[in-house]
N, C-alpha and C. Protein backbone atom coordinates (compact mmCIF):
# COMPACT_ATOMS: atom_id res chain seq x y z
N MET A 1 -29.47 49.22 29.09
CA MET A 1 -28.53 48.16 29.35
C MET A 1 -29.31 47.03 29.99
N SER A 2 -29.16 45.86 29.50
CA SER A 2 -29.91 44.75 30.06
C SER A 2 -29.02 43.96 31.02
N ALA A 3 -29.65 43.46 32.02
CA ALA A 3 -28.91 42.70 33.03
C ALA A 3 -28.41 41.35 32.40
N VAL A 4 -29.05 40.93 31.35
CA VAL A 4 -28.65 39.65 30.71
C VAL A 4 -27.27 39.75 30.16
N THR A 5 -26.86 40.95 29.59
CA THR A 5 -25.57 41.13 28.94
C THR A 5 -24.41 41.16 29.93
N ILE A 6 -24.72 41.64 31.19
CA ILE A 6 -23.63 41.70 32.18
C ILE A 6 -24.13 40.96 33.41
N PRO A 7 -23.49 39.84 33.67
CA PRO A 7 -23.83 39.14 34.96
C PRO A 7 -23.42 39.94 36.16
N SER A 8 -24.27 39.95 37.19
CA SER A 8 -23.99 40.73 38.37
C SER A 8 -22.65 40.24 39.02
N GLU A 9 -22.30 39.02 38.81
CA GLU A 9 -21.01 38.54 39.36
C GLU A 9 -19.86 39.23 38.64
N THR A 10 -19.97 39.46 37.42
CA THR A 10 -18.93 40.22 36.69
C THR A 10 -18.81 41.63 37.21
N PHE A 11 -19.90 42.29 37.50
CA PHE A 11 -19.93 43.64 38.02
C PHE A 11 -19.26 43.65 39.43
N GLU A 12 -19.66 42.69 40.27
CA GLU A 12 -19.10 42.64 41.63
C GLU A 12 -17.64 42.32 41.62
N ALA A 13 -17.16 41.46 40.69
CA ALA A 13 -15.71 41.15 40.57
C ALA A 13 -14.96 42.41 40.13
N ALA A 14 -15.56 43.14 39.21
CA ALA A 14 -14.94 44.39 38.73
C ALA A 14 -14.85 45.41 39.86
N GLN A 15 -15.83 45.49 40.72
CA GLN A 15 -15.81 46.40 41.86
C GLN A 15 -14.68 46.02 42.77
N ARG A 16 -14.35 44.76 42.92
CA ARG A 16 -13.28 44.32 43.77
C ARG A 16 -11.86 44.48 43.11
N GLY A 17 -11.87 44.91 41.85
CA GLY A 17 -10.59 45.16 41.16
C GLY A 17 -10.10 44.09 40.26
N ASP A 18 -10.93 43.02 39.97
CA ASP A 18 -10.52 41.98 39.07
C ASP A 18 -10.36 42.55 37.69
N GLN A 19 -9.13 42.48 37.15
CA GLN A 19 -8.84 43.16 35.92
C GLN A 19 -9.62 42.47 34.75
N ALA A 20 -9.76 41.17 34.72
CA ALA A 20 -10.47 40.50 33.72
C ALA A 20 -11.96 40.86 33.74
N ALA A 21 -12.50 41.00 34.89
CA ALA A 21 -13.89 41.42 35.07
C ALA A 21 -14.11 42.85 34.59
N ILE A 22 -13.14 43.74 34.94
CA ILE A 22 -13.26 45.13 34.43
C ILE A 22 -13.20 45.15 32.92
N LEU A 23 -12.32 44.41 32.31
CA LEU A 23 -12.28 44.36 30.83
C LEU A 23 -13.58 43.87 30.25
N LYS A 24 -14.16 42.82 30.86
CA LYS A 24 -15.38 42.26 30.31
C LYS A 24 -16.51 43.34 30.52
N LEU A 25 -16.53 44.01 31.64
CA LEU A 25 -17.51 45.01 31.92
C LEU A 25 -17.39 46.20 30.88
N LEU A 26 -16.16 46.56 30.54
CA LEU A 26 -16.01 47.65 29.53
C LEU A 26 -16.45 47.18 28.18
N GLU A 27 -16.09 45.95 27.85
CA GLU A 27 -16.55 45.40 26.53
C GLU A 27 -18.08 45.35 26.47
N ARG A 28 -18.71 45.00 27.47
CA ARG A 28 -20.19 44.79 27.50
C ARG A 28 -20.90 46.14 27.57
N THR A 29 -20.34 47.13 28.21
CA THR A 29 -21.03 48.41 28.36
C THR A 29 -20.74 49.37 27.21
N GLN A 30 -19.69 49.10 26.46
CA GLN A 30 -19.29 50.03 25.38
C GLN A 30 -20.42 50.36 24.40
N PRO A 31 -21.19 49.35 23.93
CA PRO A 31 -22.26 49.70 22.95
C PRO A 31 -23.31 50.62 23.56
N ASP A 32 -23.63 50.39 24.86
CA ASP A 32 -24.66 51.24 25.51
C ASP A 32 -24.10 52.64 25.71
N ILE A 33 -22.82 52.78 26.07
CA ILE A 33 -22.20 54.05 26.25
C ILE A 33 -22.22 54.83 24.96
N ARG A 34 -21.87 54.13 23.89
CA ARG A 34 -21.88 54.82 22.56
C ARG A 34 -23.31 55.25 22.16
N ARG A 35 -24.29 54.39 22.45
CA ARG A 35 -25.67 54.76 22.16
C ARG A 35 -26.06 56.02 22.98
N TYR A 36 -25.70 56.02 24.24
CA TYR A 36 -26.05 57.19 25.10
C TYR A 36 -25.32 58.45 24.55
N ALA A 37 -24.07 58.28 24.06
CA ALA A 37 -23.31 59.41 23.50
C ALA A 37 -24.01 59.90 22.24
N ARG A 38 -24.48 58.96 21.38
CA ARG A 38 -25.18 59.45 20.16
C ARG A 38 -26.36 60.28 20.51
N ALA A 39 -27.02 59.96 21.59
CA ALA A 39 -28.20 60.77 22.00
C ALA A 39 -27.82 62.10 22.69
N SER A 40 -26.66 62.23 23.23
CA SER A 40 -26.30 63.38 24.04
C SER A 40 -25.31 64.30 23.38
N CYS A 41 -24.42 63.84 22.48
CA CYS A 41 -23.35 64.62 21.97
C CYS A 41 -23.82 65.34 20.67
N ARG A 42 -23.15 66.45 20.40
CA ARG A 42 -23.49 67.24 19.23
C ARG A 42 -22.82 66.79 17.92
N THR A 43 -21.59 66.28 18.03
CA THR A 43 -20.84 65.94 16.81
C THR A 43 -20.39 64.47 16.93
N SER A 44 -20.08 63.89 15.73
CA SER A 44 -19.65 62.53 15.72
C SER A 44 -18.28 62.37 16.42
N SER A 45 -17.41 63.33 16.31
CA SER A 45 -16.13 63.26 16.98
C SER A 45 -16.30 63.30 18.50
N ASP A 46 -17.31 64.08 18.99
CA ASP A 46 -17.65 64.06 20.39
C ASP A 46 -18.13 62.76 20.89
N ILE A 47 -18.84 62.04 20.03
CA ILE A 47 -19.35 60.69 20.36
C ILE A 47 -18.18 59.76 20.75
N ASP A 48 -17.20 59.78 19.84
CA ASP A 48 -16.01 58.88 20.06
C ASP A 48 -15.26 59.37 21.33
N ASP A 49 -15.03 60.61 21.46
CA ASP A 49 -14.30 61.16 22.61
C ASP A 49 -15.08 60.83 23.90
N ALA A 50 -16.36 61.01 23.93
CA ALA A 50 -17.12 60.78 25.12
C ALA A 50 -17.13 59.31 25.45
N THR A 51 -17.27 58.48 24.46
CA THR A 51 -17.27 57.00 24.72
C THR A 51 -15.94 56.64 25.36
N GLN A 52 -14.85 57.05 24.82
CA GLN A 52 -13.56 56.71 25.36
C GLN A 52 -13.39 57.27 26.77
N GLU A 53 -13.74 58.52 26.95
CA GLU A 53 -13.63 59.11 28.33
C GLU A 53 -14.48 58.35 29.36
N VAL A 54 -15.71 58.00 29.01
CA VAL A 54 -16.58 57.31 29.98
C VAL A 54 -16.07 55.91 30.23
N LEU A 55 -15.54 55.24 29.22
CA LEU A 55 -15.00 53.90 29.46
C LEU A 55 -13.78 53.99 30.45
N TRP A 56 -12.99 54.98 30.25
CA TRP A 56 -11.87 55.22 31.21
C TRP A 56 -12.36 55.54 32.59
N LEU A 57 -13.34 56.36 32.69
CA LEU A 57 -13.94 56.73 34.04
C LEU A 57 -14.56 55.47 34.68
N LEU A 58 -15.22 54.70 33.91
CA LEU A 58 -15.84 53.45 34.41
C LEU A 58 -14.77 52.50 34.97
N SER A 59 -13.68 52.38 34.21
CA SER A 59 -12.54 51.48 34.70
C SER A 59 -11.99 52.00 35.97
N ARG A 60 -11.89 53.28 36.11
CA ARG A 60 -11.30 53.88 37.32
C ARG A 60 -12.22 53.90 38.55
N HIS A 61 -13.49 54.05 38.27
CA HIS A 61 -14.49 54.32 39.38
C HIS A 61 -15.55 53.27 39.56
N VAL A 62 -15.40 52.05 38.93
CA VAL A 62 -16.40 51.06 39.09
C VAL A 62 -16.70 50.70 40.52
N GLY A 63 -15.70 50.83 41.37
CA GLY A 63 -15.83 50.52 42.82
C GLY A 63 -16.72 51.51 43.53
N ALA A 64 -16.93 52.69 42.91
CA ALA A 64 -17.73 53.75 43.57
C ALA A 64 -19.20 53.57 43.26
N ILE A 65 -19.58 52.77 42.32
CA ILE A 65 -20.94 52.57 41.95
C ILE A 65 -21.53 51.62 43.01
N ARG A 66 -22.58 52.06 43.65
CA ARG A 66 -23.02 51.34 44.86
C ARG A 66 -23.75 50.00 44.54
N ALA A 67 -24.52 49.99 43.44
CA ALA A 67 -25.34 48.78 43.16
C ALA A 67 -25.26 48.54 41.66
N PHE A 68 -25.41 47.29 41.32
CA PHE A 68 -25.44 46.87 39.89
C PHE A 68 -26.58 47.58 39.15
N ALA A 69 -27.70 47.72 39.83
CA ALA A 69 -28.90 48.36 39.25
C ALA A 69 -28.66 49.82 38.89
N ALA A 70 -27.72 50.45 39.57
CA ALA A 70 -27.42 51.86 39.35
C ALA A 70 -26.43 52.09 38.18
N LEU A 71 -25.89 51.03 37.66
CA LEU A 71 -24.85 51.21 36.63
C LEU A 71 -25.38 51.93 35.41
N SER A 72 -26.44 51.55 34.93
CA SER A 72 -27.03 52.20 33.69
C SER A 72 -27.26 53.66 33.87
N GLY A 73 -27.87 54.00 34.93
CA GLY A 73 -28.12 55.41 35.24
C GLY A 73 -26.85 56.22 35.44
N TRP A 74 -25.84 55.61 36.09
CA TRP A 74 -24.59 56.28 36.31
C TRP A 74 -23.88 56.52 34.99
N LEU A 75 -23.86 55.53 34.10
CA LEU A 75 -23.28 55.67 32.80
C LEU A 75 -23.96 56.78 32.01
N PHE A 76 -25.26 56.81 32.05
CA PHE A 76 -26.03 57.79 31.26
C PHE A 76 -25.68 59.17 31.73
N LYS A 77 -25.66 59.45 33.04
CA LYS A 77 -25.34 60.73 33.61
C LYS A 77 -23.92 61.12 33.28
N VAL A 78 -22.97 60.18 33.38
CA VAL A 78 -21.59 60.59 33.07
C VAL A 78 -21.43 60.89 31.57
N VAL A 79 -22.08 60.14 30.73
CA VAL A 79 -22.07 60.45 29.27
C VAL A 79 -22.64 61.84 29.02
N GLN A 80 -23.75 62.19 29.68
CA GLN A 80 -24.34 63.54 29.45
C GLN A 80 -23.33 64.62 29.86
N ARG A 81 -22.78 64.48 31.07
CA ARG A 81 -21.84 65.42 31.53
C ARG A 81 -20.60 65.58 30.60
N THR A 82 -20.09 64.43 30.20
CA THR A 82 -18.94 64.45 29.31
C THR A 82 -19.27 65.11 27.94
N CYS A 83 -20.41 64.83 27.42
CA CYS A 83 -20.82 65.52 26.12
C CYS A 83 -20.99 67.05 26.33
N MET A 84 -21.54 67.45 27.46
CA MET A 84 -21.67 68.85 27.77
C MET A 84 -20.31 69.51 27.83
N LYS A 85 -19.40 68.87 28.57
CA LYS A 85 -18.04 69.41 28.72
C LYS A 85 -17.34 69.51 27.35
N LEU A 86 -17.50 68.49 26.52
CA LEU A 86 -16.88 68.54 25.18
C LEU A 86 -17.42 69.71 24.36
N ALA A 87 -18.71 69.86 24.42
CA ALA A 87 -19.35 70.97 23.67
C ALA A 87 -18.91 72.33 24.16
N ARG A 88 -18.77 72.47 25.51
CA ARG A 88 -18.21 73.70 26.05
C ARG A 88 -16.81 73.98 25.63
N ASP A 89 -15.98 72.94 25.68
CA ASP A 89 -14.62 73.08 25.30
C ASP A 89 -14.47 73.51 23.84
N VAL A 90 -15.25 72.89 22.95
CA VAL A 90 -15.22 73.24 21.58
C VAL A 90 -15.61 74.69 21.36
N GLY A 91 -16.63 75.15 22.11
CA GLY A 91 -17.02 76.56 22.00
C GLY A 91 -15.92 77.49 22.38
N LEU A 92 -15.24 77.17 23.47
CA LEU A 92 -14.07 78.02 23.94
C LEU A 92 -12.94 78.02 22.92
N ILE A 93 -12.68 76.90 22.37
CA ILE A 93 -11.63 76.81 21.38
C ILE A 93 -11.98 77.62 20.16
N ALA A 94 -13.22 77.54 19.69
CA ALA A 94 -13.64 78.26 18.53
C ALA A 94 -13.52 79.74 18.73
N ARG A 95 -13.90 80.24 19.88
CA ARG A 95 -13.74 81.71 20.17
C ARG A 95 -12.27 82.11 20.20
N ASP A 96 -11.40 81.25 20.79
CA ASP A 96 -9.97 81.53 20.81
C ASP A 96 -9.39 81.48 19.43
N ASP A 97 -9.86 80.57 18.62
CA ASP A 97 -9.34 80.45 17.26
C ASP A 97 -9.66 81.68 16.45
N ASP A 98 -10.84 82.31 16.61
CA ASP A 98 -11.23 83.46 15.88
C ASP A 98 -10.26 84.62 16.25
N ALA A 99 -10.03 84.79 17.52
CA ALA A 99 -9.12 85.83 17.92
C ALA A 99 -7.71 85.62 17.48
N LEU A 100 -7.27 84.36 17.56
CA LEU A 100 -5.91 84.00 17.08
C LEU A 100 -5.80 84.23 15.59
N GLU A 101 -6.82 83.90 14.86
CA GLU A 101 -6.76 84.11 13.43
C GLU A 101 -6.69 85.55 13.07
N ARG A 102 -7.37 86.40 13.75
CA ARG A 102 -7.26 87.88 13.46
C ARG A 102 -5.86 88.38 13.75
N VAL A 103 -5.30 87.90 14.86
CA VAL A 103 -3.91 88.37 15.21
C VAL A 103 -2.88 87.87 14.17
N LEU A 104 -3.06 86.64 13.77
CA LEU A 104 -2.08 86.05 12.81
C LEU A 104 -2.27 86.68 11.43
N ALA A 105 -3.55 87.01 11.10
CA ALA A 105 -3.75 87.63 9.75
C ALA A 105 -3.09 88.98 9.61
N ALA A 106 -2.87 89.63 10.71
CA ALA A 106 -2.30 90.97 10.70
C ALA A 106 -0.75 90.88 10.57
N ARG A 107 -0.17 89.71 10.68
CA ARG A 107 1.29 89.60 10.65
C ARG A 107 1.75 89.33 9.25
N GLN A 108 3.03 89.64 8.96
CA GLN A 108 3.65 89.39 7.67
C GLN A 108 3.85 87.89 7.50
N GLU A 109 3.81 87.44 6.22
CA GLU A 109 3.91 86.07 5.94
C GLU A 109 5.28 85.46 6.40
N SER A 110 6.31 86.23 6.24
CA SER A 110 7.62 85.76 6.63
C SER A 110 7.68 85.51 8.17
N GLU A 111 7.11 86.43 8.91
CA GLU A 111 7.05 86.23 10.37
C GLU A 111 6.19 84.97 10.74
N LEU A 112 5.10 84.77 10.00
CA LEU A 112 4.22 83.62 10.32
C LEU A 112 4.98 82.32 10.05
N ARG A 113 5.71 82.32 8.99
CA ARG A 113 6.50 81.08 8.63
C ARG A 113 7.51 80.78 9.73
N LEU A 114 8.19 81.75 10.19
CA LEU A 114 9.17 81.55 11.27
C LEU A 114 8.48 81.09 12.59
N ASP A 115 7.32 81.72 12.86
CA ASP A 115 6.59 81.35 14.10
C ASP A 115 6.13 79.97 13.99
N LEU A 116 5.57 79.57 12.80
CA LEU A 116 5.02 78.20 12.62
C LEU A 116 6.15 77.21 12.70
N ALA A 117 7.33 77.48 12.12
CA ALA A 117 8.47 76.58 12.19
C ALA A 117 8.89 76.40 13.66
N ALA A 118 8.94 77.50 14.41
CA ALA A 118 9.30 77.42 15.82
C ALA A 118 8.24 76.65 16.59
N ALA A 119 6.97 76.80 16.28
CA ALA A 119 5.93 76.09 16.94
C ALA A 119 6.08 74.55 16.75
N PHE A 120 6.35 74.18 15.52
CA PHE A 120 6.55 72.78 15.20
C PHE A 120 7.75 72.24 15.92
N GLU A 121 8.80 73.02 15.98
CA GLU A 121 10.02 72.61 16.65
C GLU A 121 9.86 72.47 18.12
N ALA A 122 8.93 73.24 18.70
CA ALA A 122 8.71 73.23 20.10
C ALA A 122 7.84 71.94 20.54
N LEU A 123 7.23 71.29 19.58
CA LEU A 123 6.38 70.14 19.89
C LEU A 123 7.26 68.95 20.41
N PRO A 124 6.73 68.15 21.29
CA PRO A 124 7.39 66.91 21.63
C PRO A 124 7.53 66.07 20.34
N PRO A 125 8.55 65.28 20.20
CA PRO A 125 8.84 64.53 18.97
C PRO A 125 7.65 63.63 18.54
N SER A 126 7.01 62.96 19.42
CA SER A 126 5.89 62.08 18.99
C SER A 126 4.73 62.91 18.37
N TYR A 127 4.48 64.09 18.91
CA TYR A 127 3.38 64.93 18.34
C TYR A 127 3.85 65.60 17.07
N ARG A 128 5.11 66.05 17.03
CA ARG A 128 5.69 66.73 15.86
C ARG A 128 5.61 65.78 14.67
N GLU A 129 6.02 64.51 14.86
CA GLU A 129 6.07 63.59 13.79
C GLU A 129 4.69 63.40 13.16
N VAL A 130 3.65 63.19 13.99
CA VAL A 130 2.33 63.01 13.46
C VAL A 130 1.80 64.29 12.78
N ALA A 131 2.04 65.44 13.34
CA ALA A 131 1.55 66.72 12.76
C ALA A 131 2.24 67.03 11.44
N VAL A 132 3.54 66.72 11.36
CA VAL A 132 4.24 66.94 10.09
C VAL A 132 3.75 66.05 9.04
N MET A 133 3.56 64.76 9.37
CA MET A 133 3.00 63.78 8.39
C MET A 133 1.62 64.20 7.89
N ARG A 134 0.81 64.67 8.79
CA ARG A 134 -0.59 64.99 8.39
C ARG A 134 -0.70 66.37 7.74
N ASP A 135 -0.11 67.35 8.35
CA ASP A 135 -0.33 68.71 7.83
C ASP A 135 0.63 69.19 6.78
N LEU A 136 1.84 68.64 6.79
CA LEU A 136 2.78 69.04 5.82
C LEU A 136 2.90 68.07 4.62
N HIS A 137 2.91 66.75 4.96
CA HIS A 137 3.04 65.79 3.96
C HIS A 137 1.66 65.31 3.47
N GLU A 138 0.64 65.71 4.12
CA GLU A 138 -0.77 65.40 3.73
C GLU A 138 -1.06 63.93 3.73
N MET A 139 -0.52 63.17 4.60
CA MET A 139 -0.77 61.74 4.72
C MET A 139 -2.17 61.59 5.41
N THR A 140 -2.78 60.48 5.11
CA THR A 140 -4.05 60.15 5.80
C THR A 140 -3.77 59.58 7.20
N ILE A 141 -4.83 59.56 8.01
CA ILE A 141 -4.66 59.02 9.37
C ILE A 141 -4.19 57.54 9.35
N ASP A 142 -4.81 56.78 8.38
CA ASP A 142 -4.39 55.38 8.23
C ASP A 142 -2.97 55.17 7.79
N GLU A 143 -2.50 56.05 6.87
CA GLU A 143 -1.12 55.95 6.39
C GLU A 143 -0.14 56.24 7.51
N ILE A 144 -0.48 57.25 8.28
CA ILE A 144 0.39 57.66 9.46
C ILE A 144 0.43 56.46 10.44
N GLY A 145 -0.72 55.88 10.70
CA GLY A 145 -0.75 54.75 11.63
C GLY A 145 0.00 53.62 11.15
N THR A 146 -0.01 53.27 9.87
CA THR A 146 0.77 52.20 9.32
C THR A 146 2.26 52.52 9.36
N THR A 147 2.59 53.72 9.02
CA THR A 147 4.03 54.10 9.05
C THR A 147 4.60 54.05 10.45
N LEU A 148 3.84 54.54 11.44
CA LEU A 148 4.38 54.59 12.79
C LEU A 148 4.00 53.41 13.65
N GLY A 149 3.23 52.48 13.11
CA GLY A 149 2.77 51.34 13.86
C GLY A 149 1.85 51.71 15.01
N LEU A 150 1.03 52.70 14.77
CA LEU A 150 -0.02 53.17 15.79
C LEU A 150 -1.41 52.86 15.33
N SER A 151 -2.29 52.76 16.29
CA SER A 151 -3.68 52.54 15.93
C SER A 151 -4.28 53.88 15.41
N ARG A 152 -5.36 53.82 14.73
CA ARG A 152 -6.03 55.00 14.17
C ARG A 152 -6.34 55.98 15.28
N GLN A 153 -6.85 55.47 16.41
CA GLN A 153 -7.18 56.33 17.62
C GLN A 153 -5.98 57.02 18.16
N ALA A 154 -4.82 56.32 18.19
CA ALA A 154 -3.64 56.92 18.71
C ALA A 154 -3.17 58.05 17.87
N VAL A 155 -3.23 57.82 16.55
CA VAL A 155 -2.82 58.89 15.63
C VAL A 155 -3.71 60.11 15.80
N LYS A 156 -5.05 59.87 15.86
CA LYS A 156 -5.96 60.99 16.01
C LYS A 156 -5.73 61.75 17.31
N ALA A 157 -5.50 61.02 18.38
CA ALA A 157 -5.27 61.65 19.65
C ALA A 157 -3.97 62.48 19.62
N ARG A 158 -2.90 61.93 19.04
CA ARG A 158 -1.64 62.67 18.97
C ARG A 158 -1.81 63.90 18.11
N LEU A 159 -2.50 63.76 17.00
CA LEU A 159 -2.72 64.85 16.09
C LEU A 159 -3.53 66.03 16.75
N HIS A 160 -4.56 65.63 17.51
CA HIS A 160 -5.36 66.57 18.18
C HIS A 160 -4.53 67.29 19.25
N ARG A 161 -3.75 66.60 20.00
CA ARG A 161 -2.95 67.23 21.07
C ARG A 161 -1.84 68.11 20.39
N ALA A 162 -1.28 67.70 19.25
CA ALA A 162 -0.25 68.49 18.59
C ALA A 162 -0.86 69.79 18.11
N ARG A 163 -2.08 69.77 17.60
CA ARG A 163 -2.71 70.96 17.11
C ARG A 163 -3.07 71.90 18.27
N LEU A 164 -3.47 71.34 19.36
CA LEU A 164 -3.73 72.19 20.53
C LEU A 164 -2.45 72.88 20.97
N LEU A 165 -1.36 72.11 20.97
CA LEU A 165 -0.07 72.75 21.40
C LEU A 165 0.41 73.76 20.43
N LEU A 166 0.22 73.50 19.11
CA LEU A 166 0.59 74.51 18.14
C LEU A 166 -0.24 75.75 18.30
N ARG A 167 -1.50 75.61 18.50
CA ARG A 167 -2.45 76.74 18.72
C ARG A 167 -1.98 77.56 19.92
N GLU A 168 -1.65 76.83 20.97
CA GLU A 168 -1.23 77.51 22.22
C GLU A 168 0.08 78.24 22.00
N TYR A 169 1.04 77.65 21.29
CA TYR A 169 2.30 78.29 21.05
C TYR A 169 2.12 79.55 20.15
N LEU A 170 1.29 79.44 19.13
CA LEU A 170 1.09 80.56 18.29
C LEU A 170 0.25 81.69 18.94
N ALA A 171 -0.53 81.33 19.95
CA ALA A 171 -1.30 82.38 20.65
C ALA A 171 -0.43 83.24 21.52
N ARG A 172 0.75 82.70 21.96
CA ARG A 172 1.70 83.47 22.74
C ARG A 172 2.39 84.37 21.84
């Protein structure tokens, strides 16, 4: 990250809580955060997730960074930790999915249909809507976004959360 792209005055104003300065700081650091994530994360979806997470953390904790010169190192370390956490989480979910798949495979199809219907019914409406459109109606992310008036990222986030909740429901 070069000092030319972010004036120290912008950083200092962001530390004081100036919302415009925080927004400018986020805009200017986002390419560097994404670059750090490309170097640290295992998958392309982790890159996007890590970038978003670190931007959120920066907006919340910019006041805790002691000096402008430490910003780049702070961001790099936070990106590394976030990528490691995402990789760990994916590993845990994969192991859980294998066990869940074995349990579900042993059940009769009629029982599975009822359980799946109940799982969809248990979802909050905003998650259910996205999951039904994607998994049952086989709509694309962009089609769902257009239909619901949501950004691509919002649709992907809701779909991810819906699938986690479905998995959790079926695991019980």
